[in-house]
Amino acid sequence: TMVKNEDAPVGALKAGYDINEYFGVEMRYGGV
């Protein structure tokens, strides 16, 4: 419903696992 974008500060906590030097998985939780 908005005409233009609204600027907002963003933050997130993350946890991940690098399976090797080329591939990994990650989960994040955050908000604005």
All heavy atoms as atom14 arrays in JSON, in Angstrom:
{
  "sequence": "TMVKNEDAPVGALKAGYDINEYFGVEMRYGGV",
  "atom14_mask": [
    [1, 1, 1, 1, 1, 1, 1, 0, 0, 0, 0, 0, 0, 0],
    [1, 1, 1, 1, 1, 1, 1, 1, 0, 0, 0, 0, 0, 0],
    [1, 1, 1, 1, 1, 1, 1, 0, 0, 0, 0, 0, 0, 0],
    [1, 1, 1, 1, 1, 1, 1, 1, 1, 0, 0, 0, 0, 0],
    [1, 1, 1, 1, 1, 1, 1, 1, 0, 0, 0, 0, 0, 0],
    [1, 1, 1, 1, 1, 1, 1, 1, 1, 0, 0, 0, 0, 0],
    [1, 1, 1, 1, 1, 1, 1, 1, 0, 0, 0, 0, 0, 0],
    [1, 1, 1, 1, 1, 0, 0, 0, 0, 0, 0, 0, 0, 0],
    [1, 1, 1, 1, 1, 1, 1, 0, 0, 0, 0, 0, 0, 0],
    [1, 1, 1, 1, 1, 1, 1, 0, 0, 0, 0, 0, 0, 0],
    [1, 1, 1, 1, 0, 0, 0, 0, 0, 0, 0, 0, 0, 0],
    [1, 1, 1, 1, 1, 0, 0, 0, 0, 0, 0, 0, 0, 0],
    [1, 1, 1, 1, 1, 1, 1, 1, 0, 0, 0, 0, 0, 0],
    [1, 1, 1, 1, 1, 1, 1, 1, 1, 0, 0, 0, 0, 0],
    [1, 1, 1, 1, 1, 0, 0, 0, 0, 0, 0, 0, 0, 0],
    [1, 1, 1, 1, 0, 0, 0, 0, 0, 0, 0, 0, 0, 0],
    [1, 1, 1, 1, 1, 1, 1, 1, 1, 1, 1, 1, 0, 0],
    [1, 1, 1, 1, 1, 1, 1, 1, 0, 0, 0, 0, 0, 0],
    [1, 1, 1, 1, 1, 1, 1, 1, 0, 0, 0, 0, 0, 0],
    [1, 1, 1, 1, 1, 1, 1, 1, 0, 0, 0, 0, 0, 0],
    [1, 1, 1, 1, 1, 1, 1, 1, 1, 0, 0, 0, 0, 0],
    [1, 1, 1, 1, 1, 1, 1, 1, 1, 1, 1, 1, 0, 0],
    [1, 1, 1, 1, 1, 1, 1, 1, 1, 1, 1, 0, 0, 0],
    [1, 1, 1, 1, 0, 0, 0, 0, 0, 0, 0, 0, 0, 0],
    [1, 1, 1, 1, 1, 1, 1, 0, 0, 0, 0, 0, 0, 0],
    [1, 1, 1, 1, 1, 1, 1, 1, 1, 0, 0, 0, 0, 0],
    [1, 1, 1, 1, 1, 1, 1, 1, 0, 0, 0, 0, 0, 0],
    [1, 1, 1, 1, 1, 1, 1, 1, 1, 1, 1, 0, 0, 0],
    [1, 1, 1, 1, 1, 1, 1, 1, 1, 1, 1, 1, 0, 0],
    [1, 1, 1, 1, 0, 0, 0, 0, 0, 0, 0, 0, 0, 0],
    [1, 1, 1, 1, 0, 0, 0, 0, 0, 0, 0, 0, 0, 0],
    [1, 1, 1, 1, 1, 1, 1, 0, 0, 0, 0, 0, 0, 0]
  ],
  "atom14_positions": [
    [[0.81, -1.22, 0.0], [0.0, 0.0, 0.0], [0.84, 1.28, 0.0], [0.3, 2.36, -0.14], [-0.93, 0.03, 1.24], [-0.13, 0.05, 2.42], [-1.87, -1.16, 1.24], [0.0, 0.0, 0.0], [0.0, 0.0, 0.0], [0.0, 0.0, 0.0], [0.0, 0.0, 0.0], [0.0, 0.0, 0.0], [0.0, 0.0, 0.0], [0.0, 0.0, 0.0]],
    [[2.15, 1.16, 0.15], [3.01, 2.34, 0.22], [3.44, 2.82, -1.16], [3.67, 2.01, -2.05], [4.26, 2.04, 1.06], [3.95, 1.79, 2.51], [5.39, 1.22, 3.42], [6.49, 2.6, 3.27], [0.0, 0.0, 0.0], [0.0, 0.0, 0.0], [0.0, 0.0, 0.0], [0.0, 0.0, 0.0], [0.0, 0.0, 0.0], [0.0, 0.0, 0.0]],
    [[3.55, 4.14, -1.31], [3.98, 4.73, -2.56], [5.5, 4.67, -2.71], [6.02, 4.4, -3.78], [3.49, 6.19, -2.67], [4.0, 6.86, -3.93], [1.98, 6.24, -2.6], [0.0, 0.0, 0.0], [0.0, 0.0, 0.0], [0.0, 0.0, 0.0], [0.0, 0.0, 0.0], [0.0, 0.0, 0.0], [0.0, 0.0, 0.0], [0.0, 0.0, 0.0]],
    [[6.22, 4.93, -1.62], [7.68, 4.93, -1.7], [8.27, 4.08, -0.56], [7.61, 3.8, 0.43], [8.25, 6.34, -1.66], [8.01, 7.06, -0.36], [8.67, 8.42, -0.38], [8.66, 8.99, 1.04], [9.53, 10.09, 1.21], [0.0, 0.0, 0.0], [0.0, 0.0, 0.0], [0.0, 0.0, 0.0], [0.0, 0.0, 0.0], [0.0, 0.0, 0.0]],
    [[9.53, 3.71, -0.72], [10.24, 2.93, 0.29], [10.48, 3.78, 1.54], [10.61, 5.0, 1.45], [11.58, 2.45, -0.24], [11.43, 1.43, -1.34], [10.37, 0.89, -1.57], [12.52, 1.16, -2.02], [0.0, 0.0, 0.0], [0.0, 0.0, 0.0], [0.0, 0.0, 0.0], [0.0, 0.0, 0.0], [0.0, 0.0, 0.0], [0.0, 0.0, 0.0]],
    [[10.57, 3.12, 2.67], [10.85, 3.78, 3.94], [12.19, 3.28, 4.47], [12.4, 2.07, 4.59], [9.73, 3.42, 4.91], [9.52, 4.42, 5.99], [8.21, 4.13, 6.7], [8.22, 3.24, 7.57], [7.22, 4.79, 6.37], [0.0, 0.0, 0.0], [0.0, 0.0, 0.0], [0.0, 0.0, 0.0], [0.0, 0.0, 0.0], [0.0, 0.0, 0.0]],
    [[13.11, 4.19, 4.79], [14.41, 3.8, 5.32], [14.27, 3.35, 6.77], [13.47, 3.91, 7.52], [15.39, 4.98, 5.26], [15.73, 5.38, 3.84], [15.61, 4.52, 2.94], [16.12, 6.54, 3.62], [0.0, 0.0, 0.0], [0.0, 0.0, 0.0], [0.0, 0.0, 0.0], [0.0, 0.0, 0.0], [0.0, 0.0, 0.0], [0.0, 0.0, 0.0]],
    [[15.06, 2.34, 7.16], [14.99, 1.83, 8.53], [16.3, 1.16, 8.91], [16.91, 0.48, 8.09], [13.85, 0.81, 8.64], [0.0, 0.0, 0.0], [0.0, 0.0, 0.0], [0.0, 0.0, 0.0], [0.0, 0.0, 0.0], [0.0, 0.0, 0.0], [0.0, 0.0, 0.0], [0.0, 0.0, 0.0], [0.0, 0.0, 0.0], [0.0, 0.0, 0.0]],
    [[16.74, 1.33, 10.17], [17.88, 0.56, 10.67], [17.49, -0.92, 10.74], [16.37, -1.25, 11.1], [18.12, 1.13, 12.06], [17.37, 2.42, 12.12], [16.25, 2.3, 11.16], [0.0, 0.0, 0.0], [0.0, 0.0, 0.0], [0.0, 0.0, 0.0], [0.0, 0.0, 0.0], [0.0, 0.0, 0.0], [0.0, 0.0, 0.0], [0.0, 0.0, 0.0]],
    [[18.43, -1.82, 10.4], [18.17, -3.27, 10.4], [19.25, -3.95, 11.23], [20.41, -3.55, 11.21], [18.24, -3.82, 8.95], [17.98, -5.31, 8.93], [17.27, -3.11, 8.04], [0.0, 0.0, 0.0], [0.0, 0.0, 0.0], [0.0, 0.0, 0.0], [0.0, 0.0, 0.0], [0.0, 0.0, 0.0], [0.0, 0.0, 0.0], [0.0, 0.0, 0.0]],
    [[18.86, -4.99, 11.94], [19.82, -5.77, 12.71], [19.43, -7.24, 12.71], [18.26, -7.57, 12.55], [0.0, 0.0, 0.0], [0.0, 0.0, 0.0], [0.0, 0.0, 0.0], [0.0, 0.0, 0.0], [0.0, 0.0, 0.0], [0.0, 0.0, 0.0], [0.0, 0.0, 0.0], [0.0, 0.0, 0.0], [0.0, 0.0, 0.0], [0.0, 0.0, 0.0]],
    [[20.41, -8.12, 12.88], [20.14, -9.56, 12.91], [21.22, -10.3, 13.69], [22.39, -9.94, 13.63], [20.05, -10.12, 11.49], [0.0, 0.0, 0.0], [0.0, 0.0, 0.0], [0.0, 0.0, 0.0], [0.0, 0.0, 0.0], [0.0, 0.0, 0.0], [0.0, 0.0, 0.0], [0.0, 0.0, 0.0], [0.0, 0.0, 0.0], [0.0, 0.0, 0.0]],
    [[20.8, -11.32, 14.41], [21.71, -12.29, 15.02], [21.77, -13.48, 14.09], [20.78, -13.79, 13.42], [21.19, -12.74, 16.39], [21.04, -11.66, 17.44], [20.38, -12.24, 18.7], [22.39, -11.05, 17.78], [0.0, 0.0, 0.0], [0.0, 0.0, 0.0], [0.0, 0.0, 0.0], [0.0, 0.0, 0.0], [0.0, 0.0, 0.0], [0.0, 0.0, 0.0]],
    [[22.91, -14.16, 14.02], [23.02, -15.29, 13.11], [23.85, -16.41, 13.71], [24.7, -16.19, 14.57], [23.59, -14.86, 11.76], [24.96, -14.23, 11.82], [25.38, -13.72, 10.46], [26.65, -12.92, 10.53], [27.09, -12.45, 9.23], [0.0, 0.0, 0.0], [0.0, 0.0, 0.0], [0.0, 0.0, 0.0], [0.0, 0.0, 0.0], [0.0, 0.0, 0.0]],
    [[23.55, -17.61, 13.24], [24.32, -18.8, 13.58], [24.46, -19.6, 12.3], [23.51, -19.7, 11.51], [23.62, -19.62, 14.66], [0.0, 0.0, 0.0], [0.0, 0.0, 0.0], [0.0, 0.0, 0.0], [0.0, 0.0, 0.0], [0.0, 0.0, 0.0], [0.0, 0.0, 0.0], [0.0, 0.0, 0.0], [0.0, 0.0, 0.0], [0.0, 0.0, 0.0]],
    [[25.64, -20.15, 12.07], [25.86, -20.88, 10.83], [26.89, -21.97, 10.99], [27.53, -22.12, 12.03], [0.0, 0.0, 0.0], [0.0, 0.0, 0.0], [0.0, 0.0, 0.0], [0.0, 0.0, 0.0], [0.0, 0.0, 0.0], [0.0, 0.0, 0.0], [0.0, 0.0, 0.0], [0.0, 0.0, 0.0], [0.0, 0.0, 0.0], [0.0, 0.0, 0.0]],
    [[27.0, -22.73, 9.92], [27.98, -23.81, 9.89], [28.57, -23.89, 8.48], [27.84, -24.04, 7.49], [27.33, -25.15, 10.25], [28.34, -26.27, 10.32], [29.18, -26.4, 11.43], [28.48, -27.17, 9.28], [30.12, -27.41, 11.49], [29.41, -28.19, 9.34], [30.23, -28.3, 10.44], [31.18, -29.29, 10.51], [0.0, 0.0, 0.0], [0.0, 0.0, 0.0]],
    [[29.9, -23.73, 8.39], [30.6, -23.89, 7.11], [30.95, -25.36, 6.94], [31.79, -25.9, 7.67], [31.88, -23.04, 7.08], [31.59, -21.57, 6.93], [30.52, -21.22, 6.37], [32.41, -20.75, 7.37], [0.0, 0.0, 0.0], [0.0, 0.0, 0.0], [0.0, 0.0, 0.0], [0.0, 0.0, 0.0], [0.0, 0.0, 0.0], [0.0, 0.0, 0.0]],
    [[30.29, -26.01, 6.0], [30.52, -27.43, 5.75], [31.94, -27.63, 5.2], [32.63, -28.56, 5.58], [29.45, -27.98, 4.79], [28.09, -27.89, 5.49], [29.76, -29.39, 4.35], [26.91, -28.06, 4.59], [0.0, 0.0, 0.0], [0.0, 0.0, 0.0], [0.0, 0.0, 0.0], [0.0, 0.0, 0.0], [0.0, 0.0, 0.0], [0.0, 0.0, 0.0]],
    [[32.34, -26.73, 4.32], [33.72, -26.68, 3.82], [34.0, -25.24, 3.42], [33.19, -24.35, 3.71], [33.93, -27.69, 2.67], [32.99, -27.46, 1.51], [32.7, -26.33, 1.13], [32.47, -28.55, 0.95], [0.0, 0.0, 0.0], [0.0, 0.0, 0.0], [0.0, 0.0, 0.0], [0.0, 0.0, 0.0], [0.0, 0.0, 0.0], [0.0, 0.0, 0.0]],
    [[35.11, -24.98, 2.75], [35.44, -23.59, 2.42], [34.56, -23.01, 1.31], [34.61, -21.81, 1.05], [36.92, -23.46, 2.06], [37.34, -24.17, 0.81], [38.83, -24.02, 0.52], [39.42, -22.99, 0.89], [39.4, -24.94, -0.07], [0.0, 0.0, 0.0], [0.0, 0.0, 0.0], [0.0, 0.0, 0.0], [0.0, 0.0, 0.0], [0.0, 0.0, 0.0]],
    [[33.74, -23.85, 0.67], [32.9, -23.39, -0.44], [31.4, -23.38, -0.14], [30.63, -22.75, -0.87], [33.13, -24.26, -1.68], [34.56, -24.23, -2.14], [35.4, -25.3, -1.92], [35.08, -23.11, -2.77], [36.73, -25.27, -2.33], [36.4, -23.06, -3.18], [37.22, -24.15, -2.95], [38.53, -24.1, -3.35], [0.0, 0.0, 0.0], [0.0, 0.0, 0.0]],
    [[30.95, -24.07, 0.89], [29.52, -24.18, 1.14], [29.21, -24.17, 2.63], [29.93, -24.76, 3.43], [28.96, -25.46, 0.51], [27.48, -25.59, 0.61], [26.64, -24.81, -0.18], [26.91, -26.45, 1.53], [25.27, -24.9, -0.07], [25.53, -26.56, 1.64], [24.71, -25.78, 0.83], [0.0, 0.0, 0.0], [0.0, 0.0, 0.0], [0.0, 0.0, 0.0]],
    [[28.12, -23.49, 3.01], [27.68, -23.45, 4.39], [26.19, -23.23, 4.47], [25.51, -23.06, 3.46], [0.0, 0.0, 0.0], [0.0, 0.0, 0.0], [0.0, 0.0, 0.0], [0.0, 0.0, 0.0], [0.0, 0.0, 0.0], [0.0, 0.0, 0.0], [0.0, 0.0, 0.0], [0.0, 0.0, 0.0], [0.0, 0.0, 0.0], [0.0, 0.0, 0.0]],
    [[25.66, -23.24, 5.69], [24.25, -22.95, 5.96], [24.2, -21.93, 7.09], [25.09, -21.87, 7.92], [23.45, -24.23, 6.32], [23.34, -25.15, 5.12], [24.09, -24.96, 7.49], [0.0, 0.0, 0.0], [0.0, 0.0, 0.0], [0.0, 0.0, 0.0], [0.0, 0.0, 0.0], [0.0, 0.0, 0.0], [0.0, 0.0, 0.0], [0.0, 0.0, 0.0]],
    [[23.14, -21.13, 7.1], [23.05, -20.06, 8.08], [21.6, -19.77, 8.43], [20.71, -19.87, 7.58], [23.7, -18.81, 7.49], [23.9, -17.69, 8.47], [24.76, -16.58, 7.88], [25.98, -16.79, 7.7], [24.2, -15.5, 7.61], [0.0, 0.0, 0.0], [0.0, 0.0, 0.0], [0.0, 0.0, 0.0], [0.0, 0.0, 0.0], [0.0, 0.0, 0.0]],
    [[21.36, -19.41, 9.69], [20.04, -19.0, 10.16], [20.17, -17.63, 10.8], [21.15, -17.35, 11.51], [19.52, -19.99, 11.2], [18.14, -19.66, 11.71], [17.58, -20.92, 12.84], [16.94, -19.89, 14.13], [0.0, 0.0, 0.0], [0.0, 0.0, 0.0], [0.0, 0.0, 0.0], [0.0, 0.0, 0.0], [0.0, 0.0, 0.0], [0.0, 0.0, 0.0]],
    [[19.19, -16.75, 10.55], [19.22, -15.4, 11.11], [17.88, -15.06, 11.75], [16.83, -15.5, 11.3], [19.5, -14.37, 10.01], [20.85, -14.53, 9.38], [21.09, -13.47, 8.36], [22.38, -13.66, 7.72], [22.91, -12.82, 6.86], [22.27, -11.72, 6.54], [24.08, -13.08, 6.33], [0.0, 0.0, 0.0], [0.0, 0.0, 0.0], [0.0, 0.0, 0.0]],
    [[17.97, -14.23, 12.78], [16.77, -13.67, 13.41], [17.02, -12.18, 13.57], [18.07, -11.77, 14.09], [16.53, -14.3, 14.79], [15.41, -13.6, 15.51], [14.09, -13.84, 15.17], [15.69, -12.64, 16.47], [13.07, -13.16, 15.8], [14.67, -11.96, 17.1], [13.36, -12.23, 16.76], [12.34, -11.55, 17.37], [0.0, 0.0, 0.0], [0.0, 0.0, 0.0]],
    [[16.09, -11.35, 13.1], [16.32, -9.92, 13.19], [15.06, -9.1, 13.07], [13.94, -9.61, 13.12], [0.0, 0.0, 0.0], [0.0, 0.0, 0.0], [0.0, 0.0, 0.0], [0.0, 0.0, 0.0], [0.0, 0.0, 0.0], [0.0, 0.0, 0.0], [0.0, 0.0, 0.0], [0.0, 0.0, 0.0], [0.0, 0.0, 0.0], [0.0, 0.0, 0.0]],
    [[15.27, -7.8, 12.89], [14.17, -6.87, 12.77], [14.66, -5.5, 12.35], [15.83, -5.3, 12.09], [0.0, 0.0, 0.0], [0.0, 0.0, 0.0], [0.0, 0.0, 0.0], [0.0, 0.0, 0.0], [0.0, 0.0, 0.0], [0.0, 0.0, 0.0], [0.0, 0.0, 0.0], [0.0, 0.0, 0.0], [0.0, 0.0, 0.0], [0.0, 0.0, 0.0]],
    [[13.71, -4.57, 12.3], [14.02, -3.18, 11.97], [13.66, -2.3, 13.16], [12.83, -2.67, 13.99], [13.27, -2.7, 10.7], [13.67, -3.51, 9.49], [11.77, -2.75, 10.9], [0.0, 0.0, 0.0], [0.0, 0.0, 0.0], [0.0, 0.0, 0.0], [0.0, 0.0, 0.0], [0.0, 0.0, 0.0], [0.0, 0.0, 0.0], [0.0, 0.0, 0.0]]
  ]
}
